[in-house]
């Protein structure tokens, strides 16, 4: 039986999960913790069960502790959290950590340096990406998609408005949080900016900026997102995170504190075979390359990826967008043509990755407790 202090389940559809207070203290018990339990409820892995349950784990080597984080990033502090569990007397091989991609797995493995801990991968964001029919005649220079309102995203779009680049974008920008339906007023958004011009104020007042087509902002898998990317020559990926301090709560040090959070937004650009720039945390492109994907230097100046300061990184990114926007038509065509080798390489690599499944038998028990029949098609390394 699976037990947890929280019964809200994410990503995996466990068939049965019971409140921790119902624990029968059997040899095959599984205790479950999700990243969101810490994010929303401030309950770390080391505090996710009571002392009697820790004692039960120490006495029974078959009892398992499962942590699931298949939809967010984490910091080096999570490795310390796991080590604290081990200091309680729990055997490392009783601990099962599920992360979202191989980048996260390698980062955690290196930080933890305890090879007996089981670390698996379930990249559900990549799994759900489809391969659309390609479009050889895009009508826009750029595309960009922004669903959830964040001040840094507004700063990006305000720069595009200032530079008159926005005129060459097919884009969306919503003034909401898509999940809790919070809506932000123009006055609230203007306060989040460091510049206020009539053009920006007019643009902000016109929010939300929606795409031409079915407006289904609640569904990030809507075909309209693929259509928008396909109808452009270059895609500007607006990733989930831009400010590292959003989740580290400390200054960016020389050593890497967290792996990049590579979401479906990147994979959508890849399946559409588009060269891309990316609005994300520092070293995002570096991490993407470490996974085997190609980026577009020297055709696109990607030095912005190495800049830790948020404002300076935004400056460099928008300066490169402005440069590309001002290219003569034949120069832009040259950029697209020279990028094709990499866009095709990325496309073919993703196609292979999505069809390969490497199953680690240590995670067989997860499939046995999963309500979905397609669990066997997921990648567990």
Protein backbone atom coordinates (compact mmCIF):
# COMPACT_ATOMS: atom_id res chain seq x y z
CA UNK A 1 0.00 0.00 0.00
CA UNK A 2 1.12 3.59 -0.71
CA UNK A 3 0.84 6.17 2.06
CA UNK A 4 1.23 9.93 2.13
CA UNK A 5 0.31 12.92 4.26
CA UNK A 6 -1.15 14.47 1.08
CA UNK A 7 -3.58 12.70 -1.21
CA UNK A 8 -3.37 15.10 -4.15
CA UNK A 9 -1.46 13.17 -6.81
CA UNK A 10 0.57 14.68 -9.65
CA UNK A 11 1.91 13.25 -12.91
CA UNK A 12 1.63 9.57 -11.96
CA UNK A 13 -1.90 8.25 -11.45
CA UNK A 14 -1.35 5.95 -8.50
CA UNK A 15 -4.19 3.44 -8.30
CA UNK A 16 -4.53 3.61 -4.51
CA UNK A 17 -3.02 5.97 -1.98
CA UNK A 18 -3.96 6.08 1.68
CA UNK A 19 -3.50 8.70 4.40
CA UNK A 20 -0.34 8.16 6.39
CA UNK A 21 -2.40 7.64 9.54
CA UNK A 22 -3.83 4.46 7.98
CA UNK A 23 -0.43 2.78 7.67
CA UNK A 24 -0.58 -0.94 8.58
CA UNK A 25 3.23 -1.23 8.95
CA UNK A 26 3.65 -4.10 6.51
CA UNK A 27 6.89 -5.17 4.86
CA UNK A 28 5.79 -3.91 1.42
CA UNK A 29 4.69 -0.39 2.43
CA UNK A 30 5.55 2.56 0.18
CA UNK A 31 5.78 6.10 1.53
CA UNK A 32 5.21 8.80 -1.07
CA UNK A 33 6.43 12.39 -1.31
CA UNK A 34 6.03 14.86 -4.17
CA UNK A 35 8.02 18.00 -4.92
CA UNK A 36 4.77 19.98 -4.67
CA UNK A 37 4.39 18.87 -1.06
CA UNK A 38 7.48 20.94 -0.34
CA UNK A 39 6.67 23.74 -2.77
CA UNK A 40 3.11 24.31 -1.54
CA UNK A 41 3.06 22.78 1.94
CA UNK A 42 6.70 23.34 3.06
CA UNK A 43 7.15 19.62 3.80
CA UNK A 44 10.61 18.39 2.82
CA UNK A 45 11.43 14.78 2.04
CA UNK A 46 13.15 14.41 5.43
CA UNK A 47 9.90 15.47 7.16
CA UNK A 48 7.36 13.69 4.96
CA UNK A 49 6.59 10.87 7.44
CA UNK A 50 6.58 10.54 11.23
CA UNK A 51 9.23 9.01 13.49
CA UNK A 52 7.35 5.72 13.76
CA UNK A 53 7.36 5.41 9.97
CA UNK A 54 11.10 6.15 9.75
CA UNK A 55 11.63 3.48 12.40
CA UNK A 56 9.49 1.10 10.32
CA UNK A 57 11.73 1.74 7.30
CA UNK A 58 14.91 1.15 9.29
CA UNK A 59 13.61 -2.20 10.56
CA UNK A 60 12.18 -3.36 7.21
CA UNK A 61 14.53 -3.20 4.22
CA UNK A 62 11.70 -3.83 1.72
CA UNK A 63 9.80 -0.66 2.70
CA UNK A 64 10.29 2.06 0.09
CA UNK A 65 10.34 5.85 0.07
CA UNK A 66 9.31 7.37 -3.27
CA UNK A 67 9.88 11.01 -4.20
CA UNK A 68 8.36 12.23 -7.46
CA UNK A 69 9.42 15.39 -9.26
CA UNK A 70 8.62 14.96 -12.94
CA UNK A 71 7.48 18.52 -13.55
CA UNK A 72 9.91 20.98 -11.94
CA UNK A 73 13.56 21.58 -11.28
CA UNK A 74 15.34 21.29 -7.94
CA UNK A 75 18.48 22.65 -6.26
CA UNK A 76 21.59 21.13 -4.70
CA UNK A 77 19.73 21.36 -1.38
CA UNK A 78 17.63 18.37 -2.40
CA UNK A 79 20.71 16.15 -2.27
CA UNK A 80 21.22 17.26 1.35
CA UNK A 81 17.59 16.40 2.03
CA UNK A 82 18.16 12.85 0.78
CA UNK A 83 21.37 12.54 2.82
CA UNK A 84 19.43 13.55 5.94
CA UNK A 85 17.01 10.67 5.28
CA UNK A 86 19.99 8.30 5.04
CA UNK A 87 21.38 9.66 8.31
CA UNK A 88 18.14 8.55 9.94
CA UNK A 89 19.18 4.98 9.20
CA UNK A 90 17.21 4.46 5.98
CA UNK A 91 19.19 2.37 3.49
CA UNK A 92 20.02 4.26 0.28
CA UNK A 93 18.52 1.46 -1.84
CA UNK A 94 15.15 2.01 -0.12
CA UNK A 95 14.99 5.49 -1.66
CA UNK A 96 13.46 5.96 -5.13
CA UNK A 97 13.70 9.39 -6.76
CA UNK A 98 11.86 10.11 -10.03
CA UNK A 99 12.98 13.21 -11.94
CA UNK A 100 11.94 14.68 -15.26
CA UNK A 101 14.94 14.08 -17.54
CA UNK A 102 18.45 12.68 -17.82
CA UNK A 103 19.94 16.13 -17.15
CA UNK A 104 18.23 16.18 -13.75
CA UNK A 105 19.26 12.60 -13.06
CA UNK A 106 22.94 13.27 -13.72
CA UNK A 107 22.91 16.50 -11.72
CA UNK A 108 21.35 14.81 -8.69
CA UNK A 109 23.58 11.75 -8.99
CA UNK A 110 26.69 13.94 -8.97
CA UNK A 111 25.49 16.10 -6.07
CA UNK A 112 24.40 13.10 -4.03
CA UNK A 113 27.33 10.77 -4.76
CA UNK A 114 25.44 7.84 -3.23
CA UNK A 115 25.10 5.35 -6.11
CA UNK A 116 22.79 3.02 -4.19
CA UNK A 117 19.94 5.57 -4.28
CA UNK A 118 17.60 4.73 -7.18
CA UNK A 119 17.12 7.69 -9.54
CA UNK A 120 14.64 7.27 -12.39
CA UNK A 121 13.48 9.47 -15.27
CA UNK A 122 9.93 10.11 -16.40
CA UNK A 123 9.85 12.93 -18.95
CA UNK A 124 6.10 13.33 -19.33
CA UNK A 125 6.50 16.83 -20.84
CA UNK A 126 8.59 15.42 -23.67
CA UNK A 127 6.37 12.34 -24.01
CA UNK A 128 3.26 14.42 -24.76
CA UNK A 129 4.83 16.43 -27.59
CA UNK A 130 3.50 15.49 -31.04
CA UNK A 131 5.13 15.71 -34.47
CA UNK A 132 3.02 18.04 -36.63
CA UNK A 133 3.04 18.31 -40.40
CA UNK A 134 5.78 20.81 -41.27
CA UNK A 135 5.14 24.15 -42.98
CA UNK A 136 7.60 25.23 -45.68
CA UNK A 137 6.10 28.72 -46.18
CA UNK A 138 6.01 30.61 -42.86
CA UNK A 139 4.48 34.09 -43.02
CA UNK A 140 6.02 35.62 -39.86
CA UNK A 141 9.60 36.35 -38.88
CA UNK A 142 9.10 35.34 -35.24
CA UNK A 143 6.74 33.48 -32.98
CA UNK A 144 6.46 33.51 -29.21
CA UNK A 145 4.03 32.05 -26.67
CA UNK A 146 3.46 33.20 -23.09
CA UNK A 147 0.60 31.70 -21.10
CA UNK A 148 1.29 32.47 -17.42
CA UNK A 149 1.90 36.04 -16.35
CA UNK A 150 5.29 36.75 -14.78
CA UNK A 151 6.98 40.15 -14.38
CA UNK A 152 10.13 39.04 -16.21
CA UNK A 153 8.06 37.90 -19.16
CA UNK A 154 6.36 41.28 -19.27
CA UNK A 155 9.80 42.94 -19.30
CA UNK A 156 10.76 40.82 -22.29
CA UNK A 157 7.65 41.75 -24.24
CA UNK A 158 7.96 45.42 -23.27
CA UNK A 159 11.44 45.39 -24.87
CA UNK A 160 9.94 43.92 -28.05
CA UNK A 161 7.37 46.73 -28.03
CA UNK A 162 10.06 49.38 -27.46
CA UNK A 163 12.18 48.02 -30.34
CA UNK A 164 9.17 47.73 -32.67
CA UNK A 165 10.08 44.07 -33.09
CA UNK A 166 6.68 42.97 -31.81
CA UNK A 167 5.20 43.94 -35.18
CA UNK A 168 6.99 40.97 -36.76
CA UNK A 169 5.84 38.45 -34.15
CA UNK A 170 2.93 36.06 -34.18
CA UNK A 171 2.54 35.78 -30.44
CA UNK A 172 0.45 35.41 -27.33
CA UNK A 173 0.75 37.11 -23.96
CA UNK A 174 -1.80 36.52 -21.21
CA UNK A 175 -2.30 38.56 -18.05
CA UNK A 176 -3.37 35.54 -16.01
CA UNK A 177 -2.11 32.56 -14.05
CA UNK A 178 -3.63 29.78 -16.12
CA UNK A 179 -4.05 27.30 -13.26
CA UNK A 180 -5.58 29.39 -10.49
CA UNK A 181 -7.24 31.90 -12.88
CA UNK A 182 -5.66 34.94 -11.19
CA UNK A 183 -5.94 37.97 -13.47
CA UNK A 184 -3.59 40.96 -13.42
CA UNK A 185 -4.78 44.48 -14.23
CA UNK A 186 -2.89 46.90 -16.48
CA UNK A 187 -2.05 48.99 -13.40
CA UNK A 188 -0.50 45.98 -11.66
CA UNK A 189 1.54 45.10 -14.71
CA UNK A 190 2.84 48.64 -15.28
CA UNK A 191 4.16 48.59 -11.68
CA UNK A 192 6.21 45.50 -12.58
CA UNK A 193 8.05 47.38 -15.33
CA UNK A 194 11.09 49.65 -15.10
CA UNK A 195 9.90 51.74 -18.03
CA UNK A 196 6.57 53.38 -18.85
CA UNK A 197 5.94 54.78 -22.31
CA UNK A 198 2.68 55.49 -24.16
CA UNK A 199 3.39 52.57 -26.53
CA UNK A 200 3.96 50.14 -23.66
CA UNK A 201 0.97 51.41 -21.73
CA UNK A 202 -1.21 50.96 -24.82
CA UNK A 203 0.12 47.44 -25.40
CA UNK A 204 -0.39 46.45 -21.75
CA UNK A 205 -3.92 47.85 -21.86
CA UNK A 206 -4.72 45.54 -24.78
CA UNK A 207 -3.89 42.37 -22.80
CA UNK A 208 -4.52 39.55 -23.24
CA UNK A 209 -2.86 39.26 -26.62
CA UNK A 210 -4.26 36.05 -28.08
CA UNK A 211 -3.51 34.00 -31.16
CA UNK A 212 -5.74 33.84 -34.22
CA UNK A 213 -7.69 30.67 -33.66
CA UNK A 214 -9.46 28.77 -30.87
CA UNK A 215 -8.63 30.49 -27.58
CA UNK A 216 -8.02 27.60 -25.21
CA UNK A 217 -5.41 28.98 -22.84
CA UNK A 218 -6.08 26.17 -20.37
CA UNK A 219 -4.70 23.57 -22.78
CA UNK A 220 -0.99 23.97 -23.45
CA UNK A 221 -1.15 21.00 -25.84
CA UNK A 222 -3.56 22.80 -28.16
CA UNK A 223 -2.60 22.43 -31.84
CA UNK A 224 -2.64 26.21 -32.20
CA UNK A 225 0.72 26.39 -30.41
CA UNK A 226 2.32 24.15 -33.05
CA UNK A 227 0.61 26.09 -35.84
CA UNK A 228 1.98 29.36 -34.48
CA UNK A 229 5.55 28.09 -34.33
CA UNK A 230 5.30 26.50 -37.77
CA UNK A 231 4.13 29.80 -39.28
CA UNK A 232 7.35 31.58 -38.27
CA UNK A 233 10.98 31.52 -39.35
CA UNK A 234 12.49 31.85 -35.87
CA UNK A 235 10.89 30.91 -32.56
CA UNK A 236 11.48 32.75 -29.30
CA UNK A 237 10.99 30.17 -26.54
CA UNK A 238 9.66 31.72 -23.35
CA UNK A 239 10.60 29.14 -20.74
CA UNK A 240 9.05 28.64 -17.32
CA UNK A 241 11.91 30.22 -15.38
CA UNK A 242 14.14 33.22 -16.06
CA UNK A 243 15.16 34.32 -12.57
CA UNK A 244 17.17 31.59 -10.79
CA UNK A 245 16.41 33.22 -7.44
CA UNK A 246 12.75 32.34 -7.96
CA UNK A 247 13.52 28.88 -6.67
CA UNK A 248 17.01 29.04 -5.14
CA UNK A 249 16.24 32.03 -2.89
CA UNK A 250 19.95 32.87 -2.85
CA UNK A 251 22.54 34.58 -5.02
CA UNK A 252 23.84 32.75 -8.08
CA UNK A 253 27.22 31.27 -7.15
CA UNK A 254 30.00 30.02 -9.43
CA UNK A 255 29.00 26.39 -8.91
CA UNK A 256 25.74 25.32 -10.47
CA UNK A 257 22.94 25.18 -7.91
CA UNK A 258 20.34 23.57 -10.12
CA UNK A 259 19.85 21.93 -13.51
CA UNK A 260 17.90 23.81 -16.16
CA UNK A 261 14.17 23.16 -16.37
CA UNK A 262 13.75 22.06 -20.00
CA UNK A 263 10.04 21.82 -20.72
CA UNK A 264 7.75 20.96 -23.61
CA UNK A 265 8.29 24.52 -24.89
CA UNK A 266 11.72 23.52 -26.21
CA UNK A 267 10.54 20.21 -27.64
CA UNK A 268 7.73 21.97 -29.53
CA UNK A 269 10.27 24.19 -31.30
CA UNK A 270 12.34 21.10 -32.12
CA UNK A 271 9.45 19.13 -33.65
CA UNK A 272 8.60 22.20 -35.75
CA UNK A 273 12.23 22.29 -36.98
CA UNK A 274 12.77 25.94 -36.08
CA UNK A 275 15.94 27.75 -35.02
CA UNK A 276 15.27 29.35 -31.66
CA UNK A 277 16.34 31.87 -29.09
CA UNK A 278 15.44 31.24 -25.51
CA UNK A 279 14.26 33.35 -22.60
CA UNK A 280 15.42 31.22 -19.66
CA UNK A 281 17.86 30.87 -16.78
CA UNK A 282 21.63 31.11 -17.37
CA UNK A 283 23.37 28.15 -19.03
CA UNK A 284 20.09 26.75 -20.35
CA UNK A 285 21.48 26.28 -23.87
CA UNK A 286 24.62 24.74 -22.38
CA UNK A 287 22.50 22.16 -20.57
CA UNK A 288 20.46 21.51 -23.71
CA UNK A 289 23.68 20.84 -25.64
CA UNK A 290 24.84 18.47 -22.88
CA UNK A 291 21.74 16.38 -23.67
CA UNK A 292 22.92 16.06 -27.28
CA UNK A 293 20.82 18.77 -28.94
CA UNK A 294 22.24 21.44 -31.21
CA UNK A 295 21.85 25.19 -30.82
CA UNK A 296 22.53 27.88 -33.40
CA UNK A 297 25.77 29.73 -32.75
CA UNK A 298 27.32 31.38 -34.80
CA UNK A 299 24.22 32.10 -36.89
CA UNK A 300 22.51 33.31 -33.70
CA UNK A 301 24.64 35.02 -31.06
CA UNK A 302 24.03 32.88 -27.97
CA UNK A 303 26.37 34.62 -25.54
CA UNK A 304 23.29 35.78 -23.61
CA UNK A 305 23.07 32.22 -22.25
CA UNK A 306 26.27 32.71 -20.23
CA UNK A 307 25.18 35.95 -18.50
CA UNK A 308 24.09 35.46 -14.87
CA UNK A 309 22.68 38.93 -14.25
CA UNK A 310 19.01 38.90 -15.28
CA UNK A 311 18.87 42.43 -16.68
CA UNK A 312 22.10 42.05 -18.63
CA UNK A 313 20.97 38.68 -19.99
CA UNK A 314 17.67 40.23 -21.07
CA UNK A 315 19.57 43.10 -22.70
CA UNK A 316 21.74 40.68 -24.69
CA UNK A 317 18.80 38.51 -25.72
CA UNK A 318 16.64 41.40 -26.94
CA UNK A 319 19.63 42.96 -28.72
CA UNK A 320 20.06 39.72 -30.69
CA UNK A 321 16.34 39.61 -31.50
CA UNK A 322 16.61 43.20 -32.70
CA UNK A 323 19.63 42.32 -34.87
CA UNK A 324 17.81 39.40 -36.49
CA UNK A 325 14.67 41.48 -36.95
CA UNK A 326 16.67 44.08 -38.92
CA UNK A 327 18.35 41.57 -41.24
CA UNK A 328 17.63 41.96 -44.93
CA UNK A 329 15.29 39.23 -46.26
CA UNK A 330 18.12 37.40 -48.02
CA UNK A 331 20.27 37.52 -44.84
CA UNK A 332 17.44 36.07 -42.76
CA UNK A 333 16.97 33.32 -45.36
CA UNK A 334 20.69 32.55 -45.09
CA UNK A 335 20.35 32.24 -41.29
CA UNK A 336 17.43 29.84 -41.68
CA UNK A 337 19.19 27.76 -44.33
CA UNK A 338 22.42 27.51 -42.36
CA UNK A 339 20.44 26.44 -39.29
CA UNK A 340 18.69 23.60 -41.09
CA UNK A 341 21.36 21.01 -40.38
CA UNK A 342 20.87 21.57 -36.65
CA UNK A 343 17.08 21.78 -36.76
CA UNK A 344 16.90 18.48 -38.65
CA UNK A 345 19.46 16.87 -36.32
CA UNK A 346 17.41 17.94 -33.29
CA UNK A 347 14.20 16.68 -34.88
CA UNK A 348 15.65 13.26 -35.66
CA UNK A 349 17.25 12.95 -32.23
CA UNK A 350 13.98 13.76 -30.45
CA UNK A 351 12.16 11.24 -32.61
CA UNK A 352 14.59 8.55 -31.51
CA UNK A 353 14.51 9.58 -27.85
CA UNK A 354 10.70 9.51 -27.78
CA UNK A 355 10.55 5.98 -29.17
CA UNK A 356 13.31 4.49 -27.01
CA UNK A 357 12.33 3.09 -23.63
CA UNK A 358 14.98 1.87 -21.21
CA UNK A 359 13.35 0.24 -18.24
CA UNK A 360 15.13 -0.16 -14.91
CA UNK A 361 13.66 -3.18 -13.16
CA UNK A 362 14.16 -1.42 -9.81
CA UNK A 363 11.12 0.69 -10.74
CA UNK A 364 8.84 -2.21 -11.69
CA UNK A 365 6.80 -1.66 -8.54
CA UNK A 366 5.76 1.77 -9.84
CA UNK A 367 4.02 0.18 -12.81
CA UNK A 368 2.30 -2.29 -10.50
CA UNK A 369 0.76 0.60 -8.55
CA UNK A 370 -0.04 2.82 -11.51
CA UNK A 371 -3.60 3.28 -12.75
CA UNK A 372 -2.56 3.99 -16.34
CA UNK A 373 -1.90 1.17 -18.76
CA UNK A 374 0.65 3.27 -20.67
CA UNK A 375 3.15 3.33 -17.82
CA UNK A 376 5.27 0.72 -19.60
CA UNK A 377 5.78 3.22 -22.45
CA UNK A 378 7.44 5.80 -20.18
CA UNK A 379 11.19 6.09 -19.88
CA UNK A 380 12.54 4.90 -16.57
CA UNK A 381 16.33 4.82 -16.55
